[in-house]
Amino acid sequence: IQQMRENIAQALEIDLSQINVKATTEEGLGFTGSGEGISSQSICLLTMDNK
């Protein structure tokens, strides 16, 4: 997860402290929990800098 954070920060040219990555399992629920597939979600907060 740390490497993922570093890669995202580098690609977006922002400080590592501005990136958070969380991981969890589905505990047997659905195709992802049974190991038949993977899923991901992304949330991005954008703000305008009026300098």
PDB file of N, CA and C in Angstrom:
ATOM      1  N   ILE A   1       0.829  -1.188   0.000  1.00  0.00           N
ATOM      2  CA  ILE A   1       0.000   0.000   0.000  1.00  0.00           C
ATOM      3  C   ILE A   1       0.875   1.255   0.000  1.00  0.00           C
ATOM      4  N   GLN A   2       1.974   1.211   0.703  1.00  0.00           N
ATOM      5  CA  GLN A   2       2.874   2.371   0.731  1.00  0.00           C
ATOM      6  C   GLN A   2       3.388   2.688  -0.667  1.00  0.00           C
ATOM      7  N   GLN A   3       3.755   1.659  -1.427  1.00  0.00           N
ATOM      8  CA  GLN A   3       4.247   1.885  -2.793  1.00  0.00           C
ATOM      9  C   GLN A   3       3.146   2.471  -3.673  1.00  0.00           C
ATOM     10  N   MET A   4       1.914   2.038  -3.471  1.00  0.00           N
ATOM     11  CA  MET A   4       0.786   2.599  -4.215  1.00  0.00           C
ATOM     12  C   MET A   4       0.655   4.092  -3.921  1.00  0.00           C
ATOM     13  N   ARG A   5       0.739   4.468  -2.648  1.00  0.00           N
ATOM     14  CA  ARG A   5       0.652   5.877  -2.255  1.00  0.00           C
ATOM     15  C   ARG A   5       1.762   6.694  -2.915  1.00  0.00           C
ATOM     16  N   GLU A   6       2.968   6.155  -2.884  1.00  0.00           N
ATOM     17  CA  GLU A   6       4.105   6.859  -3.467  1.00  0.00           C
ATOM     18  C   GLU A   6       3.932   7.039  -4.968  1.00  0.00           C
ATOM     19  N   ASN A   7       3.453   6.010  -5.651  1.00  0.00           N
ATOM     20  CA  ASN A   7       3.242   6.091  -7.099  1.00  0.00           C
ATOM     21  C   ASN A   7       2.177   7.124  -7.450  1.00  0.00           C
ATOM     22  N   ILE A   8       1.086   7.142  -6.696  1.00  0.00           N
ATOM     23  CA  ILE A   8       0.006   8.102  -6.944  1.00  0.00           C
ATOM     24  C   ILE A   8       0.501   9.523  -6.702  1.00  0.00           C
ATOM     25  N   ALA A   9       1.196   9.737  -5.595  1.00  0.00           N
ATOM     26  CA  ALA A   9       1.722  11.067  -5.274  1.00  0.00           C
ATOM     27  C   ALA A   9       2.683  11.552  -6.355  1.00  0.00           C
ATOM     28  N   GLN A  10       3.527  10.674  -6.828  1.00  0.00           N
ATOM     29  CA  GLN A  10       4.482  11.049  -7.869  1.00  0.00           C
ATOM     30  C   GLN A  10       3.759  11.369  -9.177  1.00  0.00           C
ATOM     31  N   ALA A  11       2.791  10.554  -9.551  1.00  0.00           N
ATOM     32  CA  ALA A  11       2.058  10.775 -10.800  1.00  0.00           C
ATOM     33  C   ALA A  11       1.274  12.083 -10.779  1.00  0.00           C
ATOM     34  N   LEU A  12       0.732  12.434  -9.617  1.00  0.00           N
ATOM     35  CA  LEU A  12      -0.065  13.652  -9.497  1.00  0.00           C
ATOM     36  C   LEU A  12       0.755  14.871  -9.086  1.00  0.00           C
ATOM     37  N   GLU A  13       2.037  14.628  -8.807  1.00  0.00           N
ATOM     38  CA  GLU A  13       2.955  15.688  -8.377  1.00  0.00           C
ATOM     39  C   GLU A  13       2.427  16.413  -7.142  1.00  0.00           C
ATOM     40  N   ILE A  14       2.017  15.618  -6.134  1.00  0.00           N
ATOM     41  CA  ILE A  14       1.550  16.163  -4.864  1.00  0.00           C
ATOM     42  C   ILE A  14       2.270  15.463  -3.725  1.00  0.00           C
ATOM     43  N   ASP A  15       2.178  16.040  -2.538  1.00  0.00           N
ATOM     44  CA  ASP A  15       2.854  15.492  -1.369  1.00  0.00           C
ATOM     45  C   ASP A  15       2.224  14.166  -0.939  1.00  0.00           C
ATOM     46  N   LEU A  16       3.052  13.257  -0.499  1.00  0.00           N
ATOM     47  CA  LEU A  16       2.604  11.940  -0.056  1.00  0.00           C
ATOM     48  C   LEU A  16       1.558  12.035   1.053  1.00  0.00           C
ATOM     49  N   SER A  17       1.639  13.064   1.880  1.00  0.00           N
ATOM     50  CA  SER A  17       0.683  13.223   2.980  1.00  0.00           C
ATOM     51  C   SER A  17      -0.739  13.484   2.487  1.00  0.00           C
ATOM     52  N   GLN A  18      -0.889  13.824   1.215  1.00  0.00           N
ATOM     53  CA  GLN A  18      -2.207  14.099   0.652  1.00  0.00           C
ATOM     54  C   GLN A  18      -2.870  12.852   0.061  1.00  0.00           C
ATOM     55  N   ILE A  19      -2.218  11.707   0.160  1.00  0.00           N
ATOM     56  CA  ILE A  19      -2.723  10.459  -0.416  1.00  0.00           C
ATOM     57  C   ILE A  19      -3.018   9.471   0.696  1.00  0.00           C
ATOM     58  N   ASN A  20      -4.193   8.852   0.631  1.00  0.00           N
ATOM     59  CA  ASN A  20      -4.553   7.804   1.579  1.00  0.00           C
ATOM     60  C   ASN A  20      -5.103   6.618   0.799  1.00  0.00           C
ATOM     61  N   VAL A  21      -4.625   5.423   1.104  1.00  0.00           N
ATOM     62  CA  VAL A  21      -5.101   4.194   0.468  1.00  0.00           C
ATOM     63  C   VAL A  21      -5.513   3.234   1.567  1.00  0.00           C
ATOM     64  N   LYS A  22      -6.711   2.711   1.455  1.00  0.00           N
ATOM     65  CA  LYS A  22      -7.204   1.727   2.415  1.00  0.00           C
ATOM     66  C   LYS A  22      -7.513   0.434   1.678  1.00  0.00           C
ATOM     67  N   ALA A  23      -7.318  -0.689   2.347  1.00  0.00           N
ATOM     68  CA  ALA A  23      -7.603  -1.994   1.752  1.00  0.00           C
ATOM     69  C   ALA A  23      -8.437  -2.825   2.718  1.00  0.00           C
ATOM     70  N   THR A  24      -9.332  -3.617   2.171  1.00  0.00           N
ATOM     71  CA  THR A  24     -10.164  -4.496   2.988  1.00  0.00           C
ATOM     72  C   THR A  24     -10.549  -5.724   2.172  1.00  0.00           C
ATOM     73  N   THR A  25     -11.085  -6.714   2.832  1.00  0.00           N
ATOM     74  CA  THR A  25     -11.576  -7.906   2.141  1.00  0.00           C
ATOM     75  C   THR A  25     -13.094  -7.943   2.231  1.00  0.00           C
ATOM     76  N   GLU A  26     -13.703  -8.735   1.377  1.00  0.00           N
ATOM     77  CA  GLU A  26     -15.162  -8.861   1.349  1.00  0.00           C
ATOM     78  C   GLU A  26     -15.655 -10.014   2.223  1.00  0.00           C
ATOM     79  N   GLU A  27     -14.733 -10.743   2.857  1.00  0.00           N
ATOM     80  CA  GLU A  27     -15.079 -11.832   3.784  1.00  0.00           C
ATOM     81  C   GLU A  27     -16.103 -12.810   3.210  1.00  0.00           C
ATOM     82  N   GLY A  28     -15.832 -13.315   2.002  1.00  0.00           N
ATOM     83  CA  GLY A  28     -16.685 -14.349   1.412  1.00  0.00           C
ATOM     84  C   GLY A  28     -17.934 -13.844   0.728  1.00  0.00           C
ATOM     85  N   LEU A  29     -18.129 -12.535   0.649  1.00  0.00           N
ATOM     86  CA  LEU A  29     -19.334 -11.984   0.035  1.00  0.00           C
ATOM     87  C   LEU A  29     -19.121 -11.750  -1.458  1.00  0.00           C
ATOM     88  N   GLY A  30     -19.974 -12.322  -2.271  1.00  0.00           N
ATOM     89  CA  GLY A  30     -19.925 -12.106  -3.715  1.00  0.00           C
ATOM     90  C   GLY A  30     -18.703 -12.697  -4.382  1.00  0.00           C
ATOM     91  N   PHE A  31     -18.530 -12.368  -5.669  1.00  0.00           N
ATOM     92  CA  PHE A  31     -17.417 -12.922  -6.444  1.00  0.00           C
ATOM     93  C   PHE A  31     -16.066 -12.427  -5.957  1.00  0.00           C
ATOM     94  N   THR A  32     -16.013 -11.241  -5.358  1.00  0.00           N
ATOM     95  CA  THR A  32     -14.731 -10.740  -4.857  1.00  0.00           C
ATOM     96  C   THR A  32     -14.324 -11.450  -3.574  1.00  0.00           C
ATOM     97  N   GLY A  33     -15.283 -11.711  -2.720  1.00  0.00           N
ATOM     98  CA  GLY A  33     -14.994 -12.387  -1.458  1.00  0.00           C
ATOM     99  C   GLY A  33     -14.638 -13.843  -1.625  1.00  0.00           C
ATOM    100  N   SER A  34     -15.136 -14.441  -2.705  1.00  0.00           N
ATOM    101  CA  SER A  34     -14.833 -15.855  -2.951  1.00  0.00           C
ATOM    102  C   SER A  34     -13.550 -16.029  -3.750  1.00  0.00           C
ATOM    103  N   GLY A  35     -12.882 -14.925  -4.079  1.00  0.00           N
ATOM    104  CA  GLY A  35     -11.613 -14.996  -4.796  1.00  0.00           C
ATOM    105  C   GLY A  35     -11.758 -15.111  -6.297  1.00  0.00           C
ATOM    106  N   GLU A  36     -12.955 -14.907  -6.829  1.00  0.00           N
ATOM    107  CA  GLU A  36     -13.198 -15.024  -8.266  1.00  0.00           C
ATOM    108  C   GLU A  36     -12.975 -13.709  -9.014  1.00  0.00           C
ATOM    109  N   GLY A  37     -12.739 -12.632  -8.299  1.00  0.00           N
ATOM    110  CA  GLY A  37     -12.527 -11.344  -8.951  1.00  0.00           C
ATOM    111  C   GLY A  37     -12.047 -10.307  -7.961  1.00  0.00           C
ATOM    112  N   ILE A  38     -11.786  -9.126  -8.461  1.00  0.00           N
ATOM    113  CA  ILE A  38     -11.349  -8.020  -7.614  1.00  0.00           C
ATOM    114  C   ILE A  38     -12.220  -6.799  -7.906  1.00  0.00           C
ATOM    115  N   SER A  39     -12.214  -5.856  -6.999  1.00  0.00           N
ATOM    116  CA  SER A  39     -12.929  -4.603  -7.222  1.00  0.00           C
ATOM    117  C   SER A  39     -12.139  -3.476  -6.582  1.00  0.00           C
ATOM    118  N   SER A  40     -12.452  -2.261  -6.990  1.00  0.00           N
ATOM    119  CA  SER A  40     -11.797  -1.094  -6.393  1.00  0.00           C
ATOM    120  C   SER A  40     -12.767   0.077  -6.394  1.00  0.00           C
ATOM    121  N   GLN A  41     -12.511   1.009  -5.500  1.00  0.00           N
ATOM    122  CA  GLN A  41     -13.273   2.252  -5.436  1.00  0.00           C
ATOM    123  C   GLN A  41     -12.278   3.389  -5.297  1.00  0.00           C
ATOM    124  N   SER A  42     -12.644   4.521  -5.815  1.00  0.00           N
ATOM    125  CA  SER A  42     -11.774   5.688  -5.728  1.00  0.00           C
ATOM    126  C   SER A  42     -12.602   6.904  -5.337  1.00  0.00           C
ATOM    127  N   ILE A  43     -12.067   7.686  -4.423  1.00  0.00           N
ATOM    128  CA  ILE A  43     -12.708   8.936  -4.024  1.00  0.00           C
ATOM    129  C   ILE A  43     -11.662  10.037  -4.142  1.00  0.00           C
ATOM    130  N   CYS A  44     -12.037  11.124  -4.776  1.00  0.00           N
ATOM    131  CA  CYS A  44     -11.108  12.230  -4.993  1.00  0.00           C
ATOM    132  C   CYS A  44     -11.773  13.530  -4.570  1.00  0.00           C
ATOM    133  N   LEU A  45     -11.108  14.297  -3.739  1.00  0.00           N
ATOM    134  CA  LEU A  45     -11.594  15.615  -3.337  1.00  0.00           C
ATOM    135  C   LEU A  45     -10.749  16.670  -4.043  1.00  0.00           C
ATOM    136  N   LEU A  46     -11.388  17.479  -4.858  1.00  0.00           N
ATOM    137  CA  LEU A  46     -10.702  18.540  -5.590  1.00  0.00           C
ATOM    138  C   LEU A  46     -11.113  19.886  -5.013  1.00  0.00           C
ATOM    139  N   THR A  47     -10.146  20.751  -4.824  1.00  0.00           N
ATOM    140  CA  THR A  47     -10.440  22.106  -4.363  1.00  0.00           C
ATOM    141  C   THR A  47      -9.740  23.107  -5.274  1.00  0.00           C
ATOM    142  N   MET A  48     -10.328  24.277  -5.424  1.00  0.00           N
ATOM    143  CA  MET A  48      -9.739  25.313  -6.259  1.00  0.00           C
ATOM    144  C   MET A  48      -8.816  26.179  -5.410  1.00  0.00           C
ATOM    145  N   ASP A  49      -7.639  26.429  -5.921  1.00  0.00           N
ATOM    146  CA  ASP A  49      -6.663  27.270  -5.241  1.00  0.00           C
ATOM    147  C   ASP A  49      -6.718  28.651  -5.878  1.00  0.00           C
ATOM    148  N   ASN A  50      -7.239  29.621  -5.171  1.00  0.00           N
ATOM    149  CA  ASN A  50      -7.395  30.979  -5.699  1.00  0.00           C
ATOM    150  C   ASN A  50      -6.243  31.878  -5.272  1.00  0.00           C
ATOM    151  N   LYS A  51      -5.056  31.553  -5.683  1.00  0.00           N
ATOM    152  CA  LYS A  51      -3.878  32.356  -5.324  1.00  0.00           C
ATOM    153  C   LYS A  51      -3.783  33.574  -6.196  1.00  0.00           C
TER     154      LYS A  51
END
